[in-house]
Amino acid sequence: MKEAIKPQNLSKEFYTPEKCYITELSNTPDDPDASIARARVTPGVTTRWHRLSGTVERYYIVNGRGRVEIGKLSPQDVIAGDVVLIPAMCRQRITNVGSEDLVFLAICTPRFSNDVYEDIEENPI
């Protein structure tokens, strides 16, 4: 990895089948140890049940109100400033329970790649 400043570029936001919008803030092969994405979930939307194989994820809630479901924990409400820790292979989804966009940073170690994502919507247990 080289030293760098990566300005946020929201024009590169894209919609995913998981039912949220993603902007990759830092996710490159020259920094394989971690990635950071900005995730945005619109009001009333629940993302699909999924898990990440071999990748730990952390959500840092930036804006809005959500209800997160991870592993066997009961659903819990989250607000700006909260951190959600998600071990590898742990089922997860989040619902925007507020009236404004729910925005959070998804920080993955090692870095996120599409091949670690597993949609488990039909069998979340």
N, C-alpha and C. Protein backbone atom coordinates (compact mmCIF):
# COMPACT_ATOMS: atom_id res chain seq x y z
N MET A 1 0.85 -1.18 0.00
CA MET A 1 0.00 0.00 0.00
C MET A 1 0.89 1.24 0.00
N LYS A 2 0.47 2.25 -0.73
CA LYS A 2 1.16 3.53 -0.76
C LYS A 2 0.32 4.56 -0.02
N GLU A 3 0.99 5.58 0.48
CA GLU A 3 0.25 6.67 1.11
C GLU A 3 -0.62 7.35 0.04
N ALA A 4 -1.82 7.74 0.46
CA ALA A 4 -2.77 8.34 -0.50
C ALA A 4 -3.93 9.00 0.23
N ILE A 5 -4.58 9.91 -0.44
CA ILE A 5 -5.84 10.50 0.00
C ILE A 5 -6.86 10.11 -1.05
N LYS A 6 -7.96 9.52 -0.62
CA LYS A 6 -9.00 9.09 -1.56
C LYS A 6 -10.27 9.89 -1.27
N PRO A 7 -10.54 10.91 -2.05
CA PRO A 7 -11.75 11.72 -1.83
C PRO A 7 -13.01 10.88 -2.06
N GLN A 8 -14.01 11.14 -1.26
CA GLN A 8 -15.30 10.47 -1.45
C GLN A 8 -15.90 10.92 -2.78
N ASN A 9 -16.42 9.97 -3.55
CA ASN A 9 -17.04 10.29 -4.84
C ASN A 9 -18.40 9.60 -4.90
N LEU A 10 -19.44 10.28 -4.44
CA LEU A 10 -20.77 9.68 -4.38
C LEU A 10 -21.38 9.44 -5.75
N SER A 11 -20.79 10.00 -6.81
CA SER A 11 -21.31 9.73 -8.15
C SER A 11 -21.02 8.29 -8.59
N LYS A 12 -20.17 7.60 -7.85
CA LYS A 12 -19.85 6.19 -8.17
C LYS A 12 -20.73 5.22 -7.37
N GLU A 13 -21.73 5.73 -6.70
CA GLU A 13 -22.65 4.87 -5.93
C GLU A 13 -23.39 3.94 -6.89
N PHE A 14 -23.58 2.68 -6.46
CA PHE A 14 -24.33 1.72 -7.28
C PHE A 14 -25.29 0.93 -6.40
N TYR A 15 -26.36 0.45 -7.02
CA TYR A 15 -27.38 -0.33 -6.31
C TYR A 15 -27.02 -1.81 -6.39
N THR A 16 -27.21 -2.53 -5.30
CA THR A 16 -26.87 -3.95 -5.26
C THR A 16 -28.12 -4.82 -5.13
N PRO A 17 -28.04 -6.09 -5.51
CA PRO A 17 -29.16 -7.01 -5.31
C PRO A 17 -29.50 -7.20 -3.82
N GLU A 18 -28.58 -6.81 -2.96
CA GLU A 18 -28.82 -6.90 -1.52
C GLU A 18 -29.86 -5.87 -1.05
N LYS A 19 -30.22 -4.94 -1.93
CA LYS A 19 -31.20 -3.89 -1.69
C LYS A 19 -30.62 -2.68 -0.95
N CYS A 20 -29.37 -2.37 -1.25
CA CYS A 20 -28.78 -1.15 -0.71
C CYS A 20 -27.86 -0.53 -1.75
N TYR A 21 -27.49 0.71 -1.52
CA TYR A 21 -26.59 1.44 -2.39
C TYR A 21 -25.19 1.42 -1.78
N ILE A 22 -24.17 1.22 -2.62
CA ILE A 22 -22.79 1.13 -2.15
C ILE A 22 -21.91 2.12 -2.90
N THR A 23 -21.03 2.77 -2.18
CA THR A 23 -19.95 3.54 -2.75
C THR A 23 -18.66 2.98 -2.17
N GLU A 24 -17.82 2.41 -3.02
CA GLU A 24 -16.53 1.90 -2.57
C GLU A 24 -15.63 3.09 -2.26
N LEU A 25 -15.21 3.22 -1.01
CA LEU A 25 -14.33 4.32 -0.62
C LEU A 25 -12.87 3.91 -0.70
N SER A 26 -12.61 2.66 -0.35
CA SER A 26 -11.25 2.13 -0.43
C SER A 26 -11.34 0.61 -0.54
N ASN A 27 -11.05 0.10 -1.72
CA ASN A 27 -11.09 -1.35 -1.94
C ASN A 27 -10.26 -1.67 -3.18
N THR A 28 -8.95 -1.87 -2.96
CA THR A 28 -8.05 -2.12 -4.07
C THR A 28 -7.09 -3.26 -3.75
N PRO A 29 -6.62 -3.95 -4.77
CA PRO A 29 -5.68 -5.06 -4.55
C PRO A 29 -4.38 -4.64 -3.86
N ASP A 30 -3.98 -3.37 -4.00
CA ASP A 30 -2.74 -2.95 -3.34
C ASP A 30 -2.92 -2.69 -1.85
N ASP A 31 -4.15 -2.85 -1.34
CA ASP A 31 -4.43 -2.75 0.10
C ASP A 31 -5.34 -3.92 0.48
N PRO A 32 -4.81 -5.15 0.45
CA PRO A 32 -5.64 -6.34 0.64
C PRO A 32 -6.13 -6.58 2.07
N ASP A 33 -5.58 -5.84 3.02
CA ASP A 33 -5.91 -6.11 4.42
C ASP A 33 -7.27 -5.57 4.85
N ALA A 34 -7.80 -4.58 4.13
CA ALA A 34 -9.07 -3.98 4.55
C ALA A 34 -9.74 -3.26 3.38
N SER A 35 -11.05 -3.09 3.50
CA SER A 35 -11.79 -2.25 2.57
C SER A 35 -12.81 -1.44 3.36
N ILE A 36 -13.20 -0.31 2.79
CA ILE A 36 -14.20 0.56 3.40
C ILE A 36 -15.20 0.94 2.31
N ALA A 37 -16.48 0.70 2.60
CA ALA A 37 -17.54 1.10 1.68
C ALA A 37 -18.57 1.93 2.44
N ARG A 38 -19.18 2.87 1.73
CA ARG A 38 -20.30 3.62 2.28
C ARG A 38 -21.56 2.91 1.79
N ALA A 39 -22.40 2.49 2.74
CA ALA A 39 -23.65 1.82 2.40
C ALA A 39 -24.81 2.76 2.73
N ARG A 40 -25.84 2.71 1.88
CA ARG A 40 -27.03 3.55 2.09
C ARG A 40 -28.27 2.69 1.87
N VAL A 41 -29.13 2.69 2.88
CA VAL A 41 -30.39 1.94 2.82
C VAL A 41 -31.52 2.94 2.95
N THR A 42 -32.47 2.91 2.01
CA THR A 42 -33.56 3.88 2.02
C THR A 42 -34.61 3.49 3.07
N PRO A 43 -35.44 4.45 3.49
CA PRO A 43 -36.43 4.19 4.54
C PRO A 43 -37.34 3.00 4.22
N GLY A 44 -37.54 2.16 5.24
CA GLY A 44 -38.44 1.02 5.12
C GLY A 44 -37.84 -0.22 4.48
N VAL A 45 -36.62 -0.14 3.98
CA VAL A 45 -36.00 -1.26 3.28
C VAL A 45 -35.20 -2.13 4.25
N THR A 46 -35.31 -3.44 4.05
CA THR A 46 -34.50 -4.42 4.77
C THR A 46 -33.58 -5.10 3.76
N THR A 47 -32.29 -5.13 4.05
CA THR A 47 -31.36 -5.80 3.15
C THR A 47 -31.59 -7.31 3.22
N ARG A 48 -31.07 -8.02 2.24
CA ARG A 48 -31.21 -9.47 2.19
C ARG A 48 -30.32 -10.14 3.23
N TRP A 49 -30.79 -11.28 3.75
CA TRP A 49 -29.94 -12.08 4.62
C TRP A 49 -28.72 -12.50 3.83
N HIS A 50 -27.54 -12.32 4.42
CA HIS A 50 -26.30 -12.72 3.77
C HIS A 50 -25.22 -12.95 4.82
N ARG A 51 -24.09 -13.47 4.36
CA ARG A 51 -22.92 -13.64 5.22
C ARG A 51 -21.69 -13.53 4.33
N LEU A 52 -20.55 -13.30 4.97
CA LEU A 52 -19.29 -13.17 4.25
C LEU A 52 -18.36 -14.30 4.67
N SER A 53 -17.86 -15.02 3.70
CA SER A 53 -16.96 -16.15 3.95
C SER A 53 -15.52 -15.64 4.10
N GLY A 54 -14.92 -15.89 5.26
CA GLY A 54 -13.53 -15.53 5.48
C GLY A 54 -13.28 -14.04 5.64
N THR A 55 -14.32 -13.26 5.82
CA THR A 55 -14.18 -11.81 5.95
C THR A 55 -14.99 -11.31 7.14
N VAL A 56 -14.34 -10.55 8.01
CA VAL A 56 -14.99 -9.92 9.16
C VAL A 56 -15.49 -8.56 8.70
N GLU A 57 -16.68 -8.18 9.17
CA GLU A 57 -17.24 -6.89 8.77
C GLU A 57 -17.62 -6.09 10.02
N ARG A 58 -17.46 -4.79 9.90
CA ARG A 58 -17.88 -3.87 10.96
C ARG A 58 -18.71 -2.78 10.31
N TYR A 59 -19.85 -2.46 10.91
CA TYR A 59 -20.65 -1.33 10.46
C TYR A 59 -20.40 -0.18 11.43
N TYR A 60 -20.13 0.98 10.89
CA TYR A 60 -20.10 2.20 11.69
C TYR A 60 -21.26 3.05 11.19
N ILE A 61 -22.26 3.25 12.05
CA ILE A 61 -23.46 3.98 11.65
C ILE A 61 -23.16 5.48 11.61
N VAL A 62 -23.37 6.08 10.44
CA VAL A 62 -23.07 7.49 10.21
C VAL A 62 -24.31 8.35 10.38
N ASN A 63 -25.45 7.87 9.85
CA ASN A 63 -26.66 8.68 9.83
C ASN A 63 -27.88 7.77 9.79
N GLY A 64 -28.96 8.21 10.43
CA GLY A 64 -30.22 7.48 10.37
C GLY A 64 -30.39 6.51 11.52
N ARG A 65 -31.46 5.71 11.39
CA ARG A 65 -31.79 4.72 12.43
C ARG A 65 -32.01 3.37 11.76
N GLY A 66 -31.45 2.35 12.35
CA GLY A 66 -31.60 1.02 11.78
C GLY A 66 -31.92 -0.02 12.84
N ARG A 67 -32.29 -1.18 12.37
CA ARG A 67 -32.46 -2.36 13.23
C ARG A 67 -31.62 -3.45 12.59
N VAL A 68 -30.59 -3.88 13.31
CA VAL A 68 -29.66 -4.86 12.79
C VAL A 68 -29.95 -6.23 13.38
N GLU A 69 -29.80 -7.25 12.53
CA GLU A 69 -29.94 -8.64 12.95
C GLU A 69 -28.65 -9.34 12.56
N ILE A 70 -27.94 -9.86 13.56
CA ILE A 70 -26.69 -10.57 13.29
C ILE A 70 -26.65 -11.84 14.14
N GLY A 71 -26.22 -12.91 13.50
CA GLY A 71 -26.08 -14.18 14.21
C GLY A 71 -27.34 -14.57 14.94
N LYS A 72 -27.17 -14.97 16.19
CA LYS A 72 -28.30 -15.39 17.02
C LYS A 72 -28.76 -14.30 17.97
N LEU A 73 -28.19 -13.09 17.86
CA LEU A 73 -28.62 -11.99 18.71
C LEU A 73 -30.03 -11.57 18.34
N SER A 74 -30.78 -11.07 19.32
CA SER A 74 -32.09 -10.52 19.02
C SER A 74 -31.89 -9.22 18.22
N PRO A 75 -32.87 -8.83 17.39
CA PRO A 75 -32.76 -7.59 16.63
C PRO A 75 -32.48 -6.41 17.57
N GLN A 76 -31.58 -5.53 17.16
CA GLN A 76 -31.22 -4.39 17.99
C GLN A 76 -31.20 -3.12 17.17
N ASP A 77 -31.72 -2.04 17.77
CA ASP A 77 -31.73 -0.75 17.09
C ASP A 77 -30.35 -0.12 17.16
N VAL A 78 -29.97 0.58 16.09
CA VAL A 78 -28.69 1.28 16.02
C VAL A 78 -28.92 2.70 15.52
N ILE A 79 -28.05 3.59 15.98
CA ILE A 79 -28.11 5.00 15.59
C ILE A 79 -26.69 5.48 15.30
N ALA A 80 -26.59 6.72 14.83
CA ALA A 80 -25.29 7.30 14.49
C ALA A 80 -24.31 7.14 15.65
N GLY A 81 -23.10 6.68 15.31
CA GLY A 81 -22.05 6.47 16.30
C GLY A 81 -21.91 5.04 16.77
N ASP A 82 -22.94 4.21 16.53
CA ASP A 82 -22.88 2.81 16.95
C ASP A 82 -21.97 2.01 16.01
N VAL A 83 -21.35 0.97 16.56
CA VAL A 83 -20.52 0.05 15.80
C VAL A 83 -21.10 -1.35 15.94
N VAL A 84 -21.25 -2.04 14.83
CA VAL A 84 -21.77 -3.41 14.80
C VAL A 84 -20.63 -4.32 14.36
N LEU A 85 -20.34 -5.35 15.14
CA LEU A 85 -19.26 -6.29 14.84
C LEU A 85 -19.86 -7.58 14.29
N ILE A 86 -19.40 -8.00 13.12
CA ILE A 86 -19.97 -9.15 12.43
C ILE A 86 -18.85 -10.12 12.07
N PRO A 87 -18.74 -11.24 12.79
CA PRO A 87 -17.70 -12.22 12.46
C PRO A 87 -17.93 -12.83 11.08
N ALA A 88 -16.88 -13.41 10.53
CA ALA A 88 -16.99 -14.12 9.25
C ALA A 88 -18.04 -15.23 9.38
N MET A 89 -18.79 -15.47 8.32
CA MET A 89 -19.83 -16.50 8.23
C MET A 89 -21.03 -16.27 9.16
N CYS A 90 -21.16 -15.07 9.69
CA CYS A 90 -22.28 -14.73 10.58
C CYS A 90 -23.39 -14.12 9.74
N ARG A 91 -24.60 -14.67 9.86
CA ARG A 91 -25.73 -14.13 9.09
C ARG A 91 -26.00 -12.71 9.53
N GLN A 92 -26.47 -11.89 8.58
CA GLN A 92 -26.69 -10.49 8.88
C GLN A 92 -27.68 -9.86 7.92
N ARG A 93 -28.37 -8.85 8.42
CA ARG A 93 -29.17 -7.95 7.59
C ARG A 93 -29.48 -6.73 8.44
N ILE A 94 -29.88 -5.65 7.77
CA ILE A 94 -30.20 -4.42 8.48
C ILE A 94 -31.43 -3.79 7.83
N THR A 95 -32.27 -3.18 8.66
CA THR A 95 -33.49 -2.50 8.22
C THR A 95 -33.39 -1.03 8.56
N ASN A 96 -33.78 -0.18 7.62
CA ASN A 96 -33.89 1.24 7.91
C ASN A 96 -35.26 1.47 8.54
N VAL A 97 -35.27 1.79 9.84
CA VAL A 97 -36.52 2.00 10.56
C VAL A 97 -36.85 3.48 10.73
N GLY A 98 -36.05 4.34 10.11
CA GLY A 98 -36.26 5.77 10.22
C GLY A 98 -36.92 6.37 9.00
N SER A 99 -37.00 7.69 8.98
CA SER A 99 -37.63 8.40 7.87
C SER A 99 -36.60 9.01 6.91
N GLU A 100 -35.32 8.88 7.23
CA GLU A 100 -34.26 9.36 6.34
C GLU A 100 -33.34 8.19 6.00
N ASP A 101 -32.47 8.39 5.03
CA ASP A 101 -31.56 7.32 4.65
C ASP A 101 -30.72 6.86 5.84
N LEU A 102 -30.53 5.55 5.93
CA LEU A 102 -29.60 4.96 6.88
C LEU A 102 -28.27 4.84 6.15
N VAL A 103 -27.23 5.48 6.69
CA VAL A 103 -25.91 5.48 6.07
C VAL A 103 -24.92 4.90 7.06
N PHE A 104 -24.12 3.95 6.59
CA PHE A 104 -23.08 3.39 7.46
C PHE A 104 -21.86 3.02 6.65
N LEU A 105 -20.74 2.95 7.33
CA LEU A 105 -19.51 2.48 6.71
C LEU A 105 -19.42 0.99 6.97
N ALA A 106 -19.11 0.22 5.94
CA ALA A 106 -18.87 -1.21 6.05
C ALA A 106 -17.37 -1.41 5.90
N ILE A 107 -16.73 -1.81 6.98
CA ILE A 107 -15.29 -1.97 7.01
C ILE A 107 -15.00 -3.46 7.08
N CYS A 108 -14.32 -3.99 6.07
CA CYS A 108 -14.08 -5.43 5.96
C CYS A 108 -12.60 -5.75 6.07
N THR A 109 -12.31 -6.85 6.78
CA THR A 109 -10.95 -7.38 6.85
C THR A 109 -11.00 -8.89 6.65
N PRO A 110 -10.22 -9.45 5.71
CA PRO A 110 -9.52 -8.71 4.67
C PRO A 110 -10.53 -7.99 3.77
N ARG A 111 -10.04 -7.34 2.74
CA ARG A 111 -10.91 -6.50 1.92
C ARG A 111 -12.04 -7.33 1.30
N PHE A 112 -13.17 -6.65 1.07
CA PHE A 112 -14.33 -7.30 0.46
C PHE A 112 -14.07 -7.61 -1.00
N SER A 113 -14.53 -8.79 -1.43
CA SER A 113 -14.58 -9.13 -2.84
C SER A 113 -15.88 -9.89 -3.06
N ASN A 114 -16.42 -9.82 -4.27
CA ASN A 114 -17.72 -10.43 -4.55
C ASN A 114 -17.77 -11.92 -4.25
N ASP A 115 -16.63 -12.60 -4.35
CA ASP A 115 -16.65 -14.05 -4.15
C ASP A 115 -16.82 -14.45 -2.68
N VAL A 116 -16.70 -13.53 -1.73
CA VAL A 116 -16.92 -13.88 -0.32
C VAL A 116 -18.39 -13.69 0.10
N TYR A 117 -19.16 -13.02 -0.73
CA TYR A 117 -20.57 -12.73 -0.42
C TYR A 117 -21.44 -13.96 -0.67
N GLU A 118 -22.25 -14.33 0.33
CA GLU A 118 -23.18 -15.44 0.19
C GLU A 118 -24.59 -14.97 0.55
N ASP A 119 -25.49 -14.97 -0.43
CA ASP A 119 -26.89 -14.66 -0.21
C ASP A 119 -27.54 -15.87 0.44
N ILE A 120 -28.13 -15.68 1.62
CA ILE A 120 -28.77 -16.80 2.33
C ILE A 120 -30.23 -16.46 2.65
N GLU A 121 -30.83 -15.60 1.85
CA GLU A 121 -32.19 -15.14 2.08
C GLU A 121 -33.18 -16.29 2.26
N GLU A 122 -33.04 -17.34 1.47
CA GLU A 122 -34.00 -18.45 1.54
C GLU A 122 -33.78 -19.34 2.74
N ASN A 123 -32.57 -19.31 3.34
CA ASN A 123 -32.26 -20.16 4.48
C ASN A 123 -31.32 -19.40 5.43
N PRO A 124 -31.84 -18.43 6.19
CA PRO A 124 -30.97 -17.58 6.98
C PRO A 124 -30.37 -18.23 8.23
N ILE A 125 -30.77 -19.39 8.60
CA ILE A 125 -30.26 -20.00 9.84
C ILE A 125 -28.95 -20.69 9.62
